[in-house]
Structure formats: structure tokens, C-alpha cells
C-alpha atoms as a PDB file:
ATOM      1  CA  UNK A   1     111.302 117.812  96.784  1.00  0.00           C
ATOM      2  CA  UNK A   2     114.653 116.235  97.641  1.00  0.00           C
ATOM      3  CA  UNK A   3     114.952 113.179  99.869  1.00  0.00           C
ATOM      4  CA  UNK A   4     118.119 111.997 101.580  1.00  0.00           C
ATOM      5  CA  UNK A   5     118.894 108.292 101.947  1.00  0.00           C
ATOM      6  CA  UNK A   6     119.803 107.456 105.542  1.00  0.00           C
ATOM      7  CA  UNK A   7     121.168 104.247 107.020  1.00  0.00           C
ATOM      8  CA  UNK A   8     119.330 103.807 110.321  1.00  0.00           C
ATOM      9  CA  UNK A   9     121.565 100.967 111.443  1.00  0.00           C
ATOM     10  CA  UNK A  10     121.633  97.256 110.807  1.00  0.00           C
ATOM     11  CA  UNK A  11     119.423  96.651 107.760  1.00  0.00           C
ATOM     12  CA  UNK A  12     117.099  99.645 108.306  1.00  0.00           C
ATOM     13  CA  UNK A  13     117.017 102.564 105.872  1.00  0.00           C
ATOM     14  CA  UNK A  14     114.929 105.652 105.129  1.00  0.00           C
ATOM     15  CA  UNK A  15     114.424 108.441 102.692  1.00  0.00           C
ATOM     16  CA  UNK A  16     113.872 111.632 104.672  1.00  0.00           C
ATOM     17  CA  UNK A  17     113.106 115.264 104.009  1.00  0.00           C
ATOM     18  CA  UNK A  18     114.341 117.962 106.352  1.00  0.00           C
ATOM     19  CA  UNK A  19     113.512 121.640 106.474  1.00  0.00           C
ATOM     20  CA  UNK A  20     115.169 124.100 108.804  1.00  0.00           C
ATOM     21  CA  UNK A  21     116.929 121.239 110.599  1.00  0.00           C
ATOM     22  CA  UNK A  22     113.653 119.431 111.297  1.00  0.00           C
ATOM     23  CA  UNK A  23     112.690 116.128 109.704  1.00  0.00           C
ATOM     24  CA  UNK A  24     109.188 116.555 108.310  1.00  0.00           C
ATOM     25  CA  UNK A  25     108.744 113.476 106.089  1.00  0.00           C
ATOM     26  CA  UNK A  26     110.115 109.947 105.914  1.00  0.00           C
ATOM     27  CA  UNK A  27     109.589 106.489 104.511  1.00  0.00           C
ATOM     28  CA  UNK A  28     111.423 103.624 106.190  1.00  0.00           C
ATOM     29  CA  UNK A  29     112.168 100.012 105.389  1.00  0.00           C
ATOM     30  CA  UNK A  30     114.157  96.996 106.452  1.00  0.00           C
ATOM     31  CA  UNK A  31     116.196  95.318 103.750  1.00  0.00           C
ATOM     32  CA  UNK A  32     115.737  91.559 103.900  1.00  0.00           C
ATOM     33  CA  UNK A  33     117.850  90.005 101.154  1.00  0.00           C
ATOM     34  CA  UNK A  34     116.623  91.710  98.005  1.00  0.00           C
ATOM     35  CA  UNK A  35     113.277  92.816  99.481  1.00  0.00           C
ATOM     36  CA  UNK A  36     112.604  96.241 100.953  1.00  0.00           C
ATOM     37  CA  UNK A  37     110.000  95.659 103.670  1.00  0.00           C
ATOM     38  CA  UNK A  38     108.256  99.034 103.706  1.00  0.00           C
ATOM     39  CA  UNK A  39     107.214  99.553 107.306  1.00  0.00           C
ATOM     40  CA  UNK A  40     106.536 103.241 107.949  1.00  0.00           C
ATOM     41  CA  UNK A  41     105.599 106.476 106.196  1.00  0.00           C
ATOM     42  CA  UNK A  42     105.284 109.815 107.976  1.00  0.00           C
ATOM     43  CA  UNK A  43     104.437 113.265 106.645  1.00  0.00           C
ATOM     44  CA  UNK A  44     104.193 116.284 108.936  1.00  0.00           C
ATOM     45  CA  UNK A  45     100.678 117.787 109.060  1.00  0.00           C
ATOM     46  CA  UNK A  46     102.016 120.997 107.473  1.00  0.00           C
ATOM     47  CA  UNK A  47     102.826 119.018 104.296  1.00  0.00           C
ATOM     48  CA  UNK A  48      99.793 116.773 104.089  1.00  0.00           C
ATOM     49  CA  UNK A  49      97.649 117.002 100.987  1.00  0.00           C
ATOM     50  CA  UNK A  50     100.655 117.892  98.805  1.00  0.00           C
ATOM     51  CA  UNK A  51     101.447 114.367  97.599  1.00  0.00           C
ATOM     52  CA  UNK A  52     104.588 114.066  99.718  1.00  0.00           C
ATOM     53  CA  UNK A  53     103.873 110.469 100.807  1.00  0.00           C
ATOM     54  CA  UNK A  54     103.584 109.405  97.164  1.00  0.00           C
ATOM     55  CA  UNK A  55     106.791 111.278  96.327  1.00  0.00           C
ATOM     56  CA  UNK A  56     108.551 109.378  99.122  1.00  0.00           C
ATOM     57  CA  UNK A  57     107.200 106.073  97.844  1.00  0.00           C
ATOM     58  CA  UNK A  58     108.166 106.975  94.276  1.00  0.00           C
ATOM     59  CA  UNK A  59     111.734 107.699  95.416  1.00  0.00           C
ATOM     60  CA  UNK A  60     111.895 104.413  97.330  1.00  0.00           C
ATOM     61  CA  UNK A  61     110.548 102.588  94.259  1.00  0.00           C
ATOM     62  CA  UNK A  62     113.207 104.236  92.107  1.00  0.00           C
ATOM     63  CA  UNK A  63     115.831 103.045  94.612  1.00  0.00           C
ATOM     64  CA  UNK A  64     114.403  99.516  94.449  1.00  0.00           C
ATOM     65  CA  UNK A  65     114.568  99.487  90.663  1.00  0.00           C
ATOM     66  CA  UNK A  66     118.131 100.865  90.644  1.00  0.00           C
ATOM     67  CA  UNK A  67     119.287  98.023  92.900  1.00  0.00           C
ATOM     68  CA  UNK A  68     117.116  95.171  91.601  1.00  0.00           C
ATOM     69  CA  UNK A  69     115.053  94.998  94.817  1.00  0.00           C
ATOM     70  CA  UNK A  70     111.402  94.152  95.311  1.00  0.00           C
ATOM     71  CA  UNK A  71     109.148  95.905  97.825  1.00  0.00           C
ATOM     72  CA  UNK A  72     106.838  94.327 100.381  1.00  0.00           C
ATOM     73  CA  UNK A  73     104.078  96.589 101.683  1.00  0.00           C
ATOM     74  CA  UNK A  74     103.597  96.515 105.461  1.00  0.00           C
ATOM     75  CA  UNK A  75     102.936 100.207 106.111  1.00  0.00           C
ATOM     76  CA  UNK A  76      99.254 101.048 105.617  1.00  0.00           C
ATOM     77  CA  UNK A  77     100.059 103.871 103.181  1.00  0.00           C
ATOM     78  CA  UNK A  78     102.201 101.609 100.999  1.00  0.00           C
ATOM     79  CA  UNK A  79      99.561  98.847 101.099  1.00  0.00           C
ATOM     80  CA  UNK A  80      96.946 101.341  99.858  1.00  0.00           C
ATOM     81  CA  UNK A  81      99.244 102.834  97.214  1.00  0.00           C
ATOM     82  CA  UNK A  82     100.134  99.377  95.884  1.00  0.00           C
ATOM     83  CA  UNK A  83      96.408  98.670  95.422  1.00  0.00           C
ATOM     84  CA  UNK A  84      95.635 102.080  93.925  1.00  0.00           C
ATOM     85  CA  UNK A  85      98.510 102.612  91.497  1.00  0.00           C
ATOM     86  CA  UNK A  86      99.769 100.091  88.920  1.00  0.00           C
ATOM     87  CA  UNK A  87     103.085 102.028  88.823  1.00  0.00           C
ATOM     88  CA  UNK A  88     104.533  99.638  91.402  1.00  0.00           C
ATOM     89  CA  UNK A  89     103.455  96.288  89.935  1.00  0.00           C
ATOM     90  CA  UNK A  90     106.977  95.539  88.659  1.00  0.00           C
ATOM     91  CA  UNK A  91     108.546  95.773  92.117  1.00  0.00           C
ATOM     92  CA  UNK A  92     105.927  94.141  94.348  1.00  0.00           C
ATOM     93  CA  UNK A  93     107.343  91.223  96.307  1.00  0.00           C
END
């Protein structure tokens, strides 16, 4: 699944997925210095159970690594994923 990086204005960013002109998945953050404060994850009910939220987080983590950022979990999904998967230990703020 492909995700597009969007600048939401100021220091807010998102990776989003759109299908048929409708946004059906997103993960958003505010960039504070070199820390991505992960504040929201949304997946449309039609996509739930397919691992889309983890794919979004994986793409955001890849972005963090590419730019030397850390990630701070605020969103409940990201908090849970950070506890569940050791994949993100290297980028936790």
C-alpha cells in the first residue's frame, strides 16, 4: 500500500492513503526539533484488520530513520505498538 507524505501546515505532517479520491487511512505527527510527536492514527472501517495502521507506522518509522528523527508516542495506537513491537526501539524518544 502506498502512502503520500503531506505537509498539513506549520510543523504538522501526515502519511495518508487515498482511494477513489477519498482519504481512508492516515498517521499524523507534529515535528518538534528532531522528534516526531505521533498524535493520531486513523484507518477506515473498510480497511481494519488488514494491518494498515502498522503499515502507516512502519512508513513513518522509515521516514524518521531517513531523517535522523526520534518518535514520541502520544496516539494510543502508537503507544501500544511501541510496547508490542521491538522494531521501533531505535527511534523511541
